[in-house]
Amino acid sequence: MFITFEGIEGCGKSTQARLLFERIQKEGFPVLLTYEPGDTQVGKKLREILLSEKMDSLTELLLFLADRREHVISLIKPALLNQTIVISDRYIYSTLAYQVYGRGLKKHFVDTLHREILDNTFPDRIYVLDLEVEKAFERKKSHTFDRIEQESISFHQRVRKGFLELAQENPNARILDATLPVTHLHDIIWKDIHTLLTARRKN
């Protein structure tokens, strides 16, 4: 099973990804927690560039997709083939939300590139943690912002809209209220995943 967490900066997706990883591990299932960008040797170098250097929008897209290609081939695909549950903090929706809705690149173009690089590796469940942009930035006020976090409020509002529209179009996606208490949100996610795991056991 492949599970991804998506959402704007400060929505709490990393916390929920970690809690789910710990819960699945406690239940005795083999599980991998990973993230984008940067969770491969190549990705670490790409992440440093992506989050610090000013660049053209198309250059940014191609670097993110290079990171994803390495991520899929080096970590995600091998783990799934080894019957390991994979949880990723960011995946396809982040590129579509930030580069298509945020930067204005063509979705058809990004979708075409994804078909080439993903090796047919798509999530079984996508959790989009939704939060108003202003509340998200209030959560991160003591945090040092990277290059993308420093974008305008209107940019991040377009990104949020992107996440919501993408999730509404996909039956495998779930939109969750990121203002809920952390433990309550985790319980909702675990109940959903437990149902999926139970169904797979029966099959």
N, C-alpha and C. Protein backbone atom coordinates (compact mmCIF):
# COMPACT_ATOMS: atom_id res chain seq x y z
N MET A 1 0.84 -1.19 0.00
CA MET A 1 0.00 0.00 0.00
C MET A 1 0.88 1.25 0.00
N PHE A 2 0.48 2.22 -0.80
CA PHE A 2 1.22 3.47 -0.93
C PHE A 2 0.31 4.61 -0.48
N ILE A 3 0.73 5.35 0.54
CA ILE A 3 -0.06 6.42 1.16
C ILE A 3 0.72 7.72 1.07
N THR A 4 0.06 8.80 0.66
CA THR A 4 0.74 10.09 0.61
C THR A 4 -0.02 11.14 1.40
N PHE A 5 0.74 12.08 1.94
CA PHE A 5 0.17 13.22 2.67
C PHE A 5 0.52 14.49 1.92
N GLU A 6 -0.49 15.34 1.70
CA GLU A 6 -0.32 16.55 0.92
C GLU A 6 -0.97 17.74 1.63
N GLY A 7 -0.56 18.93 1.22
CA GLY A 7 -1.15 20.14 1.77
C GLY A 7 -0.17 21.28 1.76
N ILE A 8 -0.66 22.48 2.06
CA ILE A 8 0.19 23.66 2.07
C ILE A 8 1.15 23.61 3.26
N GLU A 9 2.12 24.51 3.25
CA GLU A 9 3.09 24.59 4.34
C GLU A 9 2.35 24.84 5.66
N GLY A 10 2.74 24.12 6.71
CA GLY A 10 2.16 24.35 8.02
C GLY A 10 0.86 23.65 8.31
N CYS A 11 0.41 22.77 7.40
CA CYS A 11 -0.88 22.10 7.59
C CYS A 11 -0.80 20.92 8.56
N GLY A 12 0.40 20.46 8.87
CA GLY A 12 0.54 19.34 9.80
C GLY A 12 0.69 17.98 9.16
N LYS A 13 0.91 17.95 7.86
CA LYS A 13 1.00 16.66 7.17
C LYS A 13 2.19 15.82 7.63
N SER A 14 3.31 16.46 7.93
CA SER A 14 4.49 15.71 8.37
C SER A 14 4.24 15.03 9.71
N THR A 15 3.54 15.73 10.59
CA THR A 15 3.18 15.15 11.89
C THR A 15 2.26 13.95 11.72
N GLN A 16 1.26 14.07 10.85
CA GLN A 16 0.31 12.98 10.65
C GLN A 16 0.98 11.80 9.94
N ALA A 17 1.89 12.07 9.02
CA ALA A 17 2.62 11.00 8.36
C ALA A 17 3.44 10.21 9.37
N ARG A 18 4.10 10.92 10.28
CA ARG A 18 4.91 10.25 11.30
C ARG A 18 4.05 9.44 12.26
N LEU A 19 2.92 10.00 12.68
CA LEU A 19 2.04 9.28 13.60
C LEU A 19 1.48 8.01 12.95
N LEU A 20 1.13 8.10 11.68
CA LEU A 20 0.62 6.92 10.99
C LEU A 20 1.71 5.87 10.85
N PHE A 21 2.91 6.30 10.51
CA PHE A 21 4.05 5.39 10.43
C PHE A 21 4.24 4.64 11.74
N GLU A 22 4.23 5.37 12.85
CA GLU A 22 4.43 4.75 14.16
C GLU A 22 3.30 3.78 14.50
N ARG A 23 2.08 4.13 14.10
CA ARG A 23 0.93 3.26 14.39
C ARG A 23 1.00 1.96 13.59
N ILE A 24 1.30 2.09 12.31
CA ILE A 24 1.41 0.91 11.45
C ILE A 24 2.55 0.01 11.91
N GLN A 25 3.66 0.64 12.29
CA GLN A 25 4.80 -0.11 12.80
C GLN A 25 4.42 -0.87 14.07
N LYS A 26 3.69 -0.21 14.95
CA LYS A 26 3.23 -0.83 16.20
C LYS A 26 2.31 -2.01 15.93
N GLU A 27 1.53 -1.94 14.85
CA GLU A 27 0.62 -3.02 14.49
C GLU A 27 1.35 -4.20 13.84
N GLY A 28 2.64 -4.05 13.59
CA GLY A 28 3.44 -5.16 13.10
C GLY A 28 3.60 -5.26 11.59
N PHE A 29 3.20 -4.21 10.88
CA PHE A 29 3.34 -4.23 9.42
C PHE A 29 4.69 -3.61 9.02
N PRO A 30 5.34 -4.14 8.00
CA PRO A 30 6.54 -3.48 7.48
C PRO A 30 6.14 -2.15 6.84
N VAL A 31 6.82 -1.08 7.18
CA VAL A 31 6.41 0.24 6.71
C VAL A 31 7.63 1.15 6.54
N LEU A 32 7.57 1.99 5.52
CA LEU A 32 8.63 2.97 5.23
C LEU A 32 8.03 4.36 5.26
N LEU A 33 8.67 5.27 6.00
CA LEU A 33 8.28 6.68 6.00
C LEU A 33 9.32 7.45 5.20
N THR A 34 8.87 8.19 4.20
CA THR A 34 9.79 8.93 3.35
C THR A 34 9.20 10.31 3.04
N TYR A 35 9.93 11.10 2.27
CA TYR A 35 9.46 12.47 2.01
C TYR A 35 10.06 13.00 0.72
N GLU A 36 9.45 14.09 0.23
CA GLU A 36 9.95 14.83 -0.93
C GLU A 36 9.96 16.32 -0.62
N PRO A 37 10.92 17.05 -1.19
CA PRO A 37 12.08 16.54 -1.92
C PRO A 37 13.20 16.18 -0.95
N GLY A 38 14.09 15.27 -1.37
CA GLY A 38 15.34 15.11 -0.64
C GLY A 38 15.66 13.80 0.03
N ASP A 39 14.80 12.78 -0.07
CA ASP A 39 15.07 11.55 0.68
C ASP A 39 15.84 10.50 -0.12
N THR A 40 16.72 10.95 -1.00
CA THR A 40 17.68 10.07 -1.68
C THR A 40 19.00 10.82 -1.72
N GLN A 41 20.07 10.15 -2.10
CA GLN A 41 21.37 10.82 -2.17
C GLN A 41 21.34 11.97 -3.18
N VAL A 42 20.77 11.71 -4.35
CA VAL A 42 20.63 12.78 -5.35
C VAL A 42 19.66 13.83 -4.84
N GLY A 43 18.57 13.38 -4.23
CA GLY A 43 17.53 14.28 -3.76
C GLY A 43 18.01 15.28 -2.73
N LYS A 44 18.94 14.87 -1.87
CA LYS A 44 19.46 15.79 -0.86
C LYS A 44 20.10 17.02 -1.51
N LYS A 45 20.83 16.80 -2.59
CA LYS A 45 21.47 17.90 -3.29
C LYS A 45 20.44 18.75 -4.03
N LEU A 46 19.44 18.09 -4.61
CA LEU A 46 18.38 18.82 -5.31
C LEU A 46 17.56 19.67 -4.33
N ARG A 47 17.28 19.12 -3.15
CA ARG A 47 16.49 19.85 -2.15
C ARG A 47 17.19 21.15 -1.74
N GLU A 48 18.48 21.07 -1.52
CA GLU A 48 19.24 22.25 -1.12
C GLU A 48 19.13 23.36 -2.18
N ILE A 49 19.21 22.97 -3.43
CA ILE A 49 19.09 23.94 -4.53
C ILE A 49 17.67 24.48 -4.62
N LEU A 50 16.69 23.57 -4.57
CA LEU A 50 15.29 23.96 -4.75
C LEU A 50 14.80 24.93 -3.69
N LEU A 51 15.24 24.75 -2.46
CA LEU A 51 14.71 25.56 -1.38
C LEU A 51 15.51 26.83 -1.11
N SER A 52 16.57 27.04 -1.88
CA SER A 52 17.40 28.22 -1.61
C SER A 52 17.69 29.09 -2.83
N GLU A 53 17.79 28.50 -4.01
CA GLU A 53 18.21 29.25 -5.19
C GLU A 53 17.03 29.76 -6.02
N LYS A 54 17.08 31.00 -6.40
CA LYS A 54 16.06 31.55 -7.29
C LYS A 54 16.22 30.93 -8.67
N MET A 55 15.09 30.58 -9.32
CA MET A 55 15.18 29.91 -10.62
C MET A 55 13.91 30.09 -11.43
N ASP A 56 14.00 29.78 -12.70
CA ASP A 56 12.86 29.80 -13.61
C ASP A 56 11.85 28.71 -13.20
N SER A 57 10.57 28.95 -13.45
CA SER A 57 9.52 28.01 -13.05
C SER A 57 9.69 26.63 -13.69
N LEU A 58 10.08 26.60 -14.95
CA LEU A 58 10.27 25.31 -15.62
C LEU A 58 11.48 24.58 -15.06
N THR A 59 12.55 25.31 -14.76
CA THR A 59 13.71 24.70 -14.11
C THR A 59 13.30 24.07 -12.79
N GLU A 60 12.52 24.81 -12.02
CA GLU A 60 12.03 24.32 -10.72
C GLU A 60 11.25 23.02 -10.89
N LEU A 61 10.33 23.01 -11.85
CA LEU A 61 9.54 21.81 -12.10
C LEU A 61 10.44 20.62 -12.42
N LEU A 62 11.39 20.81 -13.32
CA LEU A 62 12.23 19.69 -13.75
C LEU A 62 13.11 19.17 -12.61
N LEU A 63 13.54 20.05 -11.73
CA LEU A 63 14.33 19.60 -10.57
C LEU A 63 13.46 18.80 -9.60
N PHE A 64 12.24 19.26 -9.37
CA PHE A 64 11.33 18.50 -8.51
C PHE A 64 11.04 17.12 -9.11
N LEU A 65 10.86 17.07 -10.41
CA LEU A 65 10.56 15.79 -11.05
C LEU A 65 11.78 14.88 -11.08
N ALA A 66 12.97 15.46 -11.18
CA ALA A 66 14.19 14.66 -11.08
C ALA A 66 14.28 14.02 -9.70
N ASP A 67 13.97 14.81 -8.68
CA ASP A 67 13.94 14.27 -7.31
C ASP A 67 12.92 13.13 -7.20
N ARG A 68 11.74 13.32 -7.80
CA ARG A 68 10.70 12.29 -7.71
C ARG A 68 11.11 11.01 -8.44
N ARG A 69 11.74 11.16 -9.58
CA ARG A 69 12.19 9.97 -10.31
C ARG A 69 13.16 9.14 -9.46
N GLU A 70 14.12 9.81 -8.84
CA GLU A 70 15.05 9.11 -7.97
C GLU A 70 14.33 8.49 -6.77
N HIS A 71 13.37 9.21 -6.25
CA HIS A 71 12.59 8.74 -5.10
C HIS A 71 11.84 7.46 -5.44
N VAL A 72 11.17 7.46 -6.59
CA VAL A 72 10.39 6.29 -7.02
C VAL A 72 11.30 5.09 -7.26
N ILE A 73 12.36 5.29 -8.02
CA ILE A 73 13.22 4.18 -8.42
C ILE A 73 14.06 3.65 -7.27
N SER A 74 14.54 4.56 -6.40
CA SER A 74 15.47 4.16 -5.34
C SER A 74 14.77 3.67 -4.07
N LEU A 75 13.61 4.26 -3.75
CA LEU A 75 12.98 3.96 -2.46
C LEU A 75 11.57 3.38 -2.57
N ILE A 76 10.69 4.11 -3.23
CA ILE A 76 9.27 3.74 -3.19
C ILE A 76 8.99 2.41 -3.87
N LYS A 77 9.39 2.29 -5.12
CA LYS A 77 9.10 1.07 -5.88
C LYS A 77 9.72 -0.17 -5.24
N PRO A 78 11.00 -0.16 -4.86
CA PRO A 78 11.57 -1.35 -4.21
C PRO A 78 10.84 -1.74 -2.93
N ALA A 79 10.43 -0.76 -2.14
CA ALA A 79 9.71 -1.07 -0.90
C ALA A 79 8.36 -1.71 -1.20
N LEU A 80 7.64 -1.16 -2.16
CA LEU A 80 6.33 -1.73 -2.50
C LEU A 80 6.46 -3.15 -3.04
N LEU A 81 7.48 -3.39 -3.85
CA LEU A 81 7.71 -4.73 -4.38
C LEU A 81 8.09 -5.71 -3.28
N ASN A 82 8.61 -5.17 -2.18
CA ASN A 82 8.98 -6.00 -1.03
C ASN A 82 7.84 -6.10 -0.02
N GLN A 83 6.60 -5.76 -0.46
CA GLN A 83 5.40 -5.85 0.38
C GLN A 83 5.47 -4.94 1.62
N THR A 84 6.13 -3.80 1.46
CA THR A 84 6.22 -2.82 2.54
C THR A 84 5.24 -1.69 2.28
N ILE A 85 4.52 -1.26 3.32
CA ILE A 85 3.65 -0.09 3.21
C ILE A 85 4.54 1.15 3.14
N VAL A 86 4.26 2.02 2.18
CA VAL A 86 5.05 3.24 2.01
C VAL A 86 4.20 4.46 2.32
N ILE A 87 4.72 5.34 3.18
CA ILE A 87 4.08 6.61 3.49
C ILE A 87 5.01 7.72 3.03
N SER A 88 4.52 8.60 2.16
CA SER A 88 5.35 9.70 1.67
C SER A 88 4.76 11.05 2.04
N ASP A 89 5.59 11.88 2.63
CA ASP A 89 5.25 13.26 2.94
C ASP A 89 5.52 14.07 1.68
N ARG A 90 4.49 14.30 0.90
CA ARG A 90 4.46 14.94 -0.42
C ARG A 90 4.71 13.93 -1.54
N TYR A 91 4.00 14.20 -2.67
CA TYR A 91 4.19 13.39 -3.87
C TYR A 91 3.61 14.17 -5.05
N ILE A 92 2.84 13.52 -5.90
CA ILE A 92 2.38 14.13 -7.16
C ILE A 92 1.59 15.42 -6.95
N TYR A 93 0.66 15.41 -5.99
CA TYR A 93 -0.21 16.57 -5.81
C TYR A 93 0.58 17.83 -5.48
N SER A 94 1.71 17.69 -4.79
CA SER A 94 2.50 18.87 -4.46
C SER A 94 3.02 19.56 -5.72
N THR A 95 3.49 18.77 -6.67
CA THR A 95 3.96 19.36 -7.93
C THR A 95 2.81 20.02 -8.68
N LEU A 96 1.68 19.35 -8.76
CA LEU A 96 0.55 19.92 -9.48
C LEU A 96 0.03 21.18 -8.79
N ALA A 97 -0.03 21.16 -7.46
CA ALA A 97 -0.54 22.32 -6.73
C ALA A 97 0.42 23.51 -6.81
N TYR A 98 1.69 23.27 -6.60
CA TYR A 98 2.66 24.37 -6.57
C TYR A 98 3.07 24.84 -7.96
N GLN A 99 3.36 23.90 -8.84
CA GLN A 99 3.88 24.31 -10.15
C GLN A 99 2.79 24.62 -11.17
N VAL A 100 1.65 23.93 -11.08
CA VAL A 100 0.56 24.21 -12.03
C VAL A 100 -0.34 25.34 -11.49
N TYR A 101 -0.93 25.13 -10.32
CA TYR A 101 -1.82 26.15 -9.76
C TYR A 101 -1.05 27.38 -9.27
N GLY A 102 0.09 27.13 -8.64
CA GLY A 102 0.87 28.24 -8.10
C GLY A 102 1.65 29.01 -9.15
N ARG A 103 2.42 28.29 -9.97
CA ARG A 103 3.30 28.94 -10.96
C ARG A 103 2.63 29.18 -12.31
N GLY A 104 1.56 28.41 -12.59
CA GLY A 104 0.87 28.62 -13.85
C GLY A 104 1.35 27.76 -15.00
N LEU A 105 2.11 26.70 -14.72
CA LEU A 105 2.53 25.79 -15.78
C LEU A 105 1.34 24.94 -16.25
N LYS A 106 1.45 24.36 -17.43
CA LYS A 106 0.35 23.60 -18.01
C LYS A 106 0.22 22.21 -17.37
N LYS A 107 -0.97 21.89 -16.90
CA LYS A 107 -1.19 20.59 -16.25
C LYS A 107 -0.95 19.44 -17.22
N HIS A 108 -1.38 19.60 -18.45
CA HIS A 108 -1.19 18.54 -19.44
C HIS A 108 0.29 18.21 -19.60
N PHE A 109 1.12 19.24 -19.61
CA PHE A 109 2.57 19.05 -19.74
C PHE A 109 3.13 18.29 -18.55
N VAL A 110 2.73 18.68 -17.34
CA VAL A 110 3.21 18.01 -16.12
C VAL A 110 2.71 16.56 -16.07
N ASP A 111 1.46 16.34 -16.45
CA ASP A 111 0.91 14.98 -16.47
C ASP A 111 1.69 14.09 -17.45
N THR A 112 2.06 14.66 -18.59
CA THR A 112 2.83 13.90 -19.58
C THR A 112 4.19 13.48 -19.02
N LEU A 113 4.86 14.40 -18.36
CA LEU A 113 6.15 14.08 -17.75
C LEU A 113 5.99 13.03 -16.65
N HIS A 114 4.95 13.16 -15.86
CA HIS A 114 4.71 12.18 -14.79
C HIS A 114 4.53 10.77 -15.35
N ARG A 115 3.85 10.65 -16.47
CA ARG A 115 3.65 9.32 -17.05
C ARG A 115 4.98 8.66 -17.40
N GLU A 116 5.97 9.47 -17.71
CA GLU A 116 7.28 8.94 -18.07
C GLU A 116 8.12 8.57 -16.84
N ILE A 117 7.99 9.34 -15.77
CA ILE A 117 8.91 9.16 -14.65
C ILE A 117 8.38 8.32 -13.49
N LEU A 118 7.06 8.14 -13.40
CA LEU A 118 6.50 7.50 -12.21
C LEU A 118 6.56 5.97 -12.22
N ASP A 119 6.81 5.39 -13.39
CA ASP A 119 6.87 3.92 -13.48
C ASP A 119 5.58 3.29 -12.93
N ASN A 120 4.44 3.95 -13.26
CA ASN A 120 3.11 3.49 -12.85
C ASN A 120 2.97 3.34 -11.33
N THR A 121 3.60 4.24 -10.60
CA THR A 121 3.57 4.19 -9.14
C THR A 121 2.68 5.30 -8.60
N PHE A 122 1.43 4.95 -8.32
CA PHE A 122 0.45 5.92 -7.86
C PHE A 122 -0.06 5.54 -6.47
N PRO A 123 -0.43 6.52 -5.66
CA PRO A 123 -0.89 6.24 -4.29
C PRO A 123 -2.23 5.51 -4.24
N ASP A 124 -2.36 4.65 -3.25
CA ASP A 124 -3.65 4.00 -2.97
C ASP A 124 -4.54 4.92 -2.15
N ARG A 125 -3.92 5.78 -1.35
CA ARG A 125 -4.68 6.74 -0.56
C ARG A 125 -3.89 8.04 -0.46
N ILE A 126 -4.58 9.16 -0.67
CA ILE A 126 -3.98 10.49 -0.59
C ILE A 126 -4.75 11.29 0.46
N TYR A 127 -4.04 11.77 1.45
CA TYR A 127 -4.66 12.63 2.46
C TYR A 127 -4.23 14.07 2.22
N VAL A 128 -5.21 14.93 1.96
CA VAL A 128 -4.94 16.36 1.81
C VAL A 128 -5.40 17.04 3.08
N LEU A 129 -4.46 17.58 3.83
CA LEU A 129 -4.79 18.30 5.06
C LEU A 129 -5.04 19.75 4.71
N ASP A 130 -6.27 20.19 4.88
CA ASP A 130 -6.66 21.52 4.42
C ASP A 130 -6.66 22.52 5.56
N LEU A 131 -6.07 23.67 5.28
CA LEU A 131 -5.96 24.74 6.28
C LEU A 131 -5.91 26.08 5.57
N GLU A 132 -6.57 27.09 6.12
CA GLU A 132 -6.49 28.43 5.55
C GLU A 132 -5.04 28.90 5.57
N VAL A 133 -4.65 29.60 4.53
CA VAL A 133 -3.25 30.03 4.39
C VAL A 133 -2.81 30.88 5.58
N GLU A 134 -3.66 31.82 6.00
CA GLU A 134 -3.29 32.70 7.11
C GLU A 134 -3.03 31.90 8.39
N LYS A 135 -3.85 30.88 8.64
CA LYS A 135 -3.66 30.04 9.84
C LYS A 135 -2.39 29.21 9.72
N ALA A 136 -2.11 28.76 8.51
CA ALA A 136 -0.90 27.98 8.29
C ALA A 136 0.35 28.80 8.60
N PHE A 137 0.36 30.06 8.16
CA PHE A 137 1.53 30.90 8.39
C PHE A 137 1.63 31.33 9.85
N GLU A 138 0.49 31.41 10.51
CA GLU A 138 0.52 31.71 11.95
C GLU A 138 1.21 30.57 12.70
N ARG A 139 0.96 29.33 12.25
CA ARG A 139 1.60 28.18 12.88
C ARG A 139 3.12 28.21 12.68
N LYS A 140 3.56 28.80 11.57
CA LYS A 140 4.99 28.75 11.21
C LYS A 140 5.71 30.07 11.49
N LYS A 141 5.12 30.95 12.29
CA LYS A 141 5.69 32.28 12.45
C LYS A 141 7.08 32.28 13.08
N SER A 142 7.42 31.25 13.86
CA SER A 142 8.75 31.20 14.47
C SER A 142 9.74 30.43 13.61
N HIS A 143 9.29 30.01 12.43
CA HIS A 143 10.09 29.19 11.52
C HIS A 143 10.80 30.07 10.49
N THR A 144 12.02 29.71 10.12
CA THR A 144 12.73 30.42 9.06
C THR A 144 12.23 29.93 7.71
N PHE A 145 11.65 30.82 6.93
CA PHE A 145 11.00 30.43 5.68
C PHE A 145 12.03 30.16 4.58
N ASP A 146 11.78 29.08 3.80
CA ASP A 146 12.61 28.80 2.64
C ASP A 146 12.10 29.60 1.44
N ARG A 147 12.73 29.41 0.30
CA ARG A 147 12.40 30.20 -0.89
C ARG A 147 10.93 30.10 -1.28
N ILE A 148 10.37 28.90 -1.23
CA ILE A 148 8.98 28.70 -1.66
C ILE A 148 8.01 29.22 -0.60
N GLU A 149 8.33 29.01 0.66
CA GLU A 149 7.47 29.53 1.73
C GLU A 149 7.40 31.05 1.71
N GLN A 150 8.40 31.71 1.16
CA GLN A 150 8.44 33.17 1.10
C GLN A 150 7.57 33.75 0.00
N GLU A 151 6.95 32.90 -0.80
CA GLU A 151 6.06 33.40 -1.85
C GLU A 151 4.85 34.13 -1.24
N SER A 152 4.14 34.87 -2.07
CA SER A 152 3.03 35.70 -1.60
C SER A 152 1.85 34.87 -1.07
N ILE A 153 1.01 35.54 -0.30
CA ILE A 153 -0.20 34.90 0.21
C ILE A 153 -1.07 34.41 -0.96
N SER A 154 -1.17 35.22 -2.01
CA SER A 154 -2.01 34.83 -3.16
C SER A 154 -1.46 33.57 -3.83
N PHE A 155 -0.14 33.42 -3.87
CA PHE A 155 0.48 32.20 -4.41
C PHE A 155 0.03 30.99 -3.60
N HIS A 156 0.15 31.09 -2.29
CA HIS A 156 -0.21 29.95 -1.42
C HIS A 156 -1.72 29.68 -1.44
N GLN A 157 -2.51 30.71 -1.67
CA GLN A 157 -3.96 30.50 -1.80
C GLN A 157 -4.27 29.73 -3.08
N ARG A 158 -3.56 30.01 -4.16
CA ARG A 158 -3.73 29.24 -5.40
C ARG A 158 -3.31 27.79 -5.18
N VAL A 159 -2.23 27.60 -4.45
CA VAL A 159 -1.76 26.24 -4.15
C VAL A 159 -2.81 25.48 -3.35
N ARG A 160 -3.36 26.13 -2.34
CA ARG A 160 -4.41 25.47 -1.54
C ARG A 160 -5.60 25.08 -2.42
N LYS A 161 -6.02 26.00 -3.28
CA LYS A 161 -7.11 25.70 -4.20
C LYS A 161 -6.77 24.49 -5.05
N GLY A 162 -5.52 24.41 -5.50
CA GLY A 162 -5.08 23.27 -6.30
C GLY A 162 -5.22 21.95 -5.57
N PHE A 163 -4.74 21.91 -4.34
CA PHE A 163 -4.86 20.68 -3.55
C PHE A 163 -6.32 20.24 -3.43
N LEU A 164 -7.20 21.19 -3.15
CA LEU A 164 -8.62 20.86 -2.96
C LEU A 164 -9.25 20.36 -4.25
N GLU A 165 -8.98 21.03 -5.36
CA GLU A 165 -9.58 20.61 -6.64
C GLU A 165 -9.05 19.24 -7.07
N LEU A 166 -7.77 19.00 -6.89
CA LEU A 166 -7.19 17.71 -7.25
C LEU A 166 -7.80 16.59 -6.42
N ALA A 167 -7.96 16.84 -5.12
CA ALA A 167 -8.52 15.81 -4.24
C ALA A 167 -9.97 15.51 -4.56
N GLN A 168 -10.71 16.54 -4.91
CA GLN A 168 -12.13 16.35 -5.22
C GLN A 168 -12.34 15.52 -6.48
N GLU A 169 -11.33 15.48 -7.33
CA GLU A 169 -11.42 14.73 -8.59
C GLU A 169 -10.98 13.28 -8.46
N ASN A 170 -10.40 12.91 -7.33
CA ASN A 170 -9.78 11.58 -7.18
C ASN A 170 -10.49 10.78 -6.08
N PRO A 171 -11.10 9.64 -6.41
CA PRO A 171 -11.78 8.83 -5.40
C PRO A 171 -10.85 8.25 -4.34
N ASN A 172 -9.56 8.23 -4.61
CA ASN A 172 -8.59 7.72 -3.62
C ASN A 172 -8.12 8.79 -2.65
N ALA A 173 -8.57 10.03 -2.85
CA ALA A 173 -8.13 11.14 -2.00
C ALA A 173 -9.17 11.45 -0.92
N ARG A 174 -8.67 11.92 0.21
CA ARG A 174 -9.52 12.35 1.32
C ARG A 174 -9.07 13.73 1.77
N ILE A 175 -10.02 14.67 1.84
CA ILE A 175 -9.72 16.01 2.35
C ILE A 175 -10.03 16.03 3.84
N LEU A 176 -9.06 16.43 4.65
CA LEU A 176 -9.22 16.43 6.10
C LEU A 176 -9.04 17.84 6.65
N ASP A 177 -9.79 18.15 7.70
CA ASP A 177 -9.73 19.46 8.34
C ASP A 177 -8.49 19.52 9.23
N ALA A 178 -7.51 20.30 8.81
CA ALA A 178 -6.24 20.36 9.53
C ALA A 178 -6.33 21.15 10.84
N THR A 179 -7.50 21.77 11.11
CA THR A 179 -7.66 22.48 12.38
C THR A 179 -8.08 21.54 13.51
N LEU A 180 -8.42 20.30 13.18
CA LEU A 180 -8.80 19.33 14.21
C LEU A 180 -7.60 19.03 15.10
N PRO A 181 -7.85 18.63 16.37
CA PRO A 181 -6.74 18.24 17.24
C PRO A 181 -5.91 17.12 16.61
N VAL A 182 -4.63 17.14 16.85
CA VAL A 182 -3.71 16.19 16.21
C VAL A 182 -4.14 14.75 16.43
N THR A 183 -4.49 14.40 17.68
CA THR A 183 -4.86 13.01 17.97
C THR A 183 -6.18 12.62 17.30
N HIS A 184 -7.12 13.56 17.23
CA HIS A 184 -8.39 13.30 16.56
C HIS A 184 -8.18 13.04 15.07
N LEU A 185 -7.35 13.85 14.47
CA LEU A 185 -7.05 13.70 13.05
C LEU A 185 -6.36 12.35 12.79
N HIS A 186 -5.44 12.00 13.66
CA HIS A 186 -4.76 10.71 13.52
C HIS A 186 -5.76 9.55 13.63
N ASP A 187 -6.69 9.65 14.54
CA ASP A 187 -7.69 8.58 14.71
C ASP A 187 -8.52 8.41 13.44
N ILE A 188 -8.89 9.52 12.81
CA ILE A 188 -9.66 9.45 11.56
C ILE A 188 -8.84 8.75 10.48
N ILE A 189 -7.58 9.13 10.37
CA ILE A 189 -6.71 8.53 9.36
C ILE A 189 -6.49 7.05 9.63
N TRP A 190 -6.20 6.72 10.88
CA TRP A 190 -5.95 5.31 11.21
C TRP A 190 -7.19 4.44 10.95
N LYS A 191 -8.35 4.94 11.29
CA LYS A 191 -9.58 4.18 11.04
C LYS A 191 -9.73 3.88 9.56
N ASP A 192 -9.45 4.86 8.72
CA ASP A 192 -9.53 4.68 7.27
C ASP A 192 -8.50 3.67 6.78
N ILE A 193 -7.26 3.80 7.23
CA ILE A 193 -6.21 2.88 6.81
C ILE A 193 -6.46 1.47 7.32
N HIS A 194 -6.93 1.36 8.54
CA HIS A 194 -7.23 0.04 9.10
C HIS A 194 -8.30 -0.67 8.28
N THR A 195 -9.29 0.08 7.81
CA THR A 195 -10.33 -0.49 6.94
C THR A 195 -9.72 -1.01 5.64
N LEU A 196 -8.81 -0.25 5.06
CA LEU A 196 -8.16 -0.66 3.83
C LEU A 196 -7.30 -1.91 4.05
N LEU A 197 -6.56 -1.94 5.16
CA LEU A 197 -5.71 -3.10 5.46
C LEU A 197 -6.56 -4.34 5.69
N THR A 198 -7.66 -4.20 6.38
CA THR A 198 -8.57 -5.32 6.65
C THR A 198 -9.13 -5.88 5.34
N ALA A 199 -9.53 -4.97 4.46
CA ALA A 199 -10.07 -5.41 3.16
C ALA A 199 -9.02 -6.17 2.36
N ARG A 200 -7.78 -5.71 2.40
CA ARG A 200 -6.71 -6.37 1.65
C ARG A 200 -6.38 -7.74 2.23
N ARG A 201 -6.46 -7.86 3.54
CA ARG A 201 -6.22 -9.16 4.17
C ARG A 201 -7.24 -10.19 3.69
N LYS A 202 -8.50 -9.74 3.57
CA LYS A 202 -9.57 -10.66 3.14
C LYS A 202 -9.38 -11.10 1.70
N ASN A 203 -8.78 -10.19 0.89
CA ASN A 203 -8.56 -10.52 -0.52
C ASN A 203 -7.32 -11.39 -0.72
